[in-house]
Structures are given as structure tokens and as C-alpha cells.
Amino acid sequence: MALFLASVGLSPIALTPRFTFRLPALVDGINIAPLALGLFGFRNCFSLP
């Protein structure tokens, strides 16, 4: 999963979009702060009390 998330955005050599699904927001890649907050929240939603 981490390898897939790291490959979203522009290719550094050919400057072609990878895994952007024609969404302009994904051309720059995925920022680490929203990703970390989302994964933390997702984990807390499914944790057992």
C-alpha cells in the first residue's frame, strides 16, 4: 500500500502522470499530513474498546 501511495503523482523522469485518475488534485501527489491523519482516524474507527 505504501508503494502505491508513493507512486501517485508525476513521474520524475518522464513527467507523465501516474495513478492520478484524471484528478488535478492528485498530480502533485499525496501530502503526508492528511494521509497520516486519515490513517489514524481510520484505525480508530475500527478499534475494539
N, C-alpha and C. Protein backbone atom coordinates (compact mmCIF):
# COMPACT_ATOMS: atom_id res chain seq x y z
N MET A 1 0.83 -1.18 0.00
CA MET A 1 0.00 0.00 0.00
C MET A 1 0.88 1.25 0.00
N ALA A 2 1.95 1.23 0.74
CA ALA A 2 2.83 2.39 0.80
C ALA A 2 3.49 2.65 -0.55
N LEU A 3 3.84 1.59 -1.25
CA LEU A 3 4.46 1.77 -2.56
C LEU A 3 3.48 2.38 -3.54
N PHE A 4 2.22 1.98 -3.48
CA PHE A 4 1.20 2.56 -4.36
C PHE A 4 1.01 4.04 -4.04
N LEU A 5 0.92 4.39 -2.76
CA LEU A 5 0.72 5.79 -2.37
C LEU A 5 1.92 6.65 -2.75
N ALA A 6 3.11 6.07 -2.71
CA ALA A 6 4.31 6.81 -3.08
C ALA A 6 4.40 7.05 -4.58
N SER A 7 3.74 6.24 -5.38
CA SER A 7 3.85 6.38 -6.83
C SER A 7 2.76 7.26 -7.43
N VAL A 8 1.89 7.83 -6.62
CA VAL A 8 0.85 8.74 -7.13
C VAL A 8 1.49 10.08 -7.44
N GLY A 9 1.20 10.63 -8.61
CA GLY A 9 1.73 11.94 -8.99
C GLY A 9 2.46 11.87 -10.32
N LEU A 10 3.38 12.80 -10.53
CA LEU A 10 4.13 12.85 -11.77
C LEU A 10 5.37 11.98 -11.68
N SER A 11 5.68 11.32 -12.79
CA SER A 11 6.91 10.56 -12.89
C SER A 11 8.09 11.54 -12.90
N PRO A 12 9.11 11.35 -12.08
CA PRO A 12 10.20 12.32 -12.03
C PRO A 12 11.05 12.38 -13.29
N ILE A 13 11.07 11.33 -14.08
CA ILE A 13 11.91 11.32 -15.27
C ILE A 13 11.14 11.77 -16.50
N ALA A 14 9.98 11.18 -16.77
CA ALA A 14 9.22 11.47 -17.98
C ALA A 14 8.15 12.54 -17.77
N LEU A 15 7.87 12.92 -16.53
CA LEU A 15 6.84 13.90 -16.19
C LEU A 15 5.46 13.50 -16.72
N THR A 16 5.18 12.22 -16.69
CA THR A 16 3.86 11.74 -17.06
C THR A 16 3.09 11.40 -15.78
N PRO A 17 1.78 11.67 -15.76
CA PRO A 17 1.01 11.38 -14.55
C PRO A 17 0.84 9.88 -14.32
N ARG A 18 1.01 9.46 -13.05
CA ARG A 18 0.83 8.07 -12.66
C ARG A 18 -0.25 8.00 -11.58
N PHE A 19 -1.22 7.14 -11.76
CA PHE A 19 -2.29 6.88 -10.78
C PHE A 19 -3.00 8.15 -10.33
N THR A 20 -3.23 9.08 -11.25
CA THR A 20 -3.93 10.32 -10.90
C THR A 20 -5.41 10.21 -11.19
N PHE A 21 -5.83 9.26 -12.00
CA PHE A 21 -7.23 9.03 -12.35
C PHE A 21 -7.90 10.30 -12.89
N ARG A 22 -7.11 11.09 -13.62
CA ARG A 22 -7.55 12.35 -14.24
C ARG A 22 -8.07 13.37 -13.23
N LEU A 23 -7.58 13.31 -12.00
CA LEU A 23 -7.95 14.27 -10.97
C LEU A 23 -6.79 15.26 -10.79
N PRO A 24 -7.03 16.55 -11.00
CA PRO A 24 -5.94 17.52 -10.89
C PRO A 24 -5.32 17.58 -9.49
N ALA A 25 -6.08 17.26 -8.47
CA ALA A 25 -5.56 17.32 -7.10
C ALA A 25 -4.49 16.26 -6.85
N LEU A 26 -4.49 15.18 -7.62
CA LEU A 26 -3.51 14.11 -7.40
C LEU A 26 -2.24 14.26 -8.22
N VAL A 27 -2.17 15.28 -9.08
CA VAL A 27 -0.98 15.46 -9.91
C VAL A 27 0.23 15.78 -9.05
N ASP A 28 0.06 16.53 -7.97
CA ASP A 28 1.17 16.87 -7.09
C ASP A 28 1.53 15.75 -6.14
N GLY A 29 0.73 14.71 -6.07
CA GLY A 29 0.98 13.61 -5.16
C GLY A 29 0.10 13.74 -3.93
N ILE A 30 0.35 12.90 -2.96
CA ILE A 30 -0.42 12.89 -1.72
C ILE A 30 0.45 13.44 -0.60
N ASN A 31 -0.03 14.46 0.10
CA ASN A 31 0.71 15.04 1.21
C ASN A 31 0.69 14.09 2.40
N ILE A 32 1.74 14.14 3.20
CA ILE A 32 1.89 13.19 4.30
C ILE A 32 0.97 13.53 5.48
N ALA A 33 0.71 14.80 5.74
CA ALA A 33 -0.12 15.17 6.91
C ALA A 33 -1.56 14.68 6.77
N PRO A 34 -2.27 14.97 5.68
CA PRO A 34 -3.63 14.44 5.56
C PRO A 34 -3.67 12.92 5.50
N LEU A 35 -2.66 12.32 4.90
CA LEU A 35 -2.60 10.87 4.82
C LEU A 35 -2.45 10.26 6.22
N ALA A 36 -1.57 10.82 7.02
CA ALA A 36 -1.36 10.30 8.37
C ALA A 36 -2.61 10.49 9.23
N LEU A 37 -3.24 11.66 9.15
CA LEU A 37 -4.46 11.89 9.93
C LEU A 37 -5.58 10.96 9.49
N GLY A 38 -5.70 10.73 8.20
CA GLY A 38 -6.73 9.83 7.70
C GLY A 38 -6.51 8.39 8.15
N LEU A 39 -5.27 7.93 8.09
CA LEU A 39 -4.99 6.56 8.52
C LEU A 39 -5.18 6.40 10.03
N PHE A 40 -4.84 7.43 10.80
CA PHE A 40 -5.04 7.38 12.25
C PHE A 40 -6.53 7.33 12.57
N GLY A 41 -7.32 8.15 11.89
CA GLY A 41 -8.76 8.15 12.11
C GLY A 41 -9.40 6.85 11.66
N PHE A 42 -8.95 6.30 10.57
CA PHE A 42 -9.48 5.03 10.07
C PHE A 42 -9.19 3.91 11.06
N ARG A 43 -8.01 3.93 11.64
CA ARG A 43 -7.64 2.91 12.62
C ARG A 43 -8.51 3.03 13.88
N ASN A 44 -8.78 4.26 14.30
CA ASN A 44 -9.59 4.46 15.50
C ASN A 44 -11.06 4.08 15.27
N CYS A 45 -11.54 4.19 14.07
CA CYS A 45 -12.93 3.82 13.79
C CYS A 45 -13.16 2.32 13.95
N PHE A 46 -12.14 1.53 13.68
CA PHE A 46 -12.30 0.08 13.72
C PHE A 46 -11.60 -0.59 14.89
N SER A 47 -11.14 0.20 15.86
CA SER A 47 -10.51 -0.41 17.03
C SER A 47 -11.57 -0.90 18.01
N LEU A 48 -11.28 -1.97 18.67
CA LEU A 48 -12.22 -2.54 19.63
C LEU A 48 -12.02 -1.89 21.00
N PRO A 49 -13.09 -1.64 21.75
CA PRO A 49 -12.94 -1.00 23.06
C PRO A 49 -12.32 -1.91 24.10
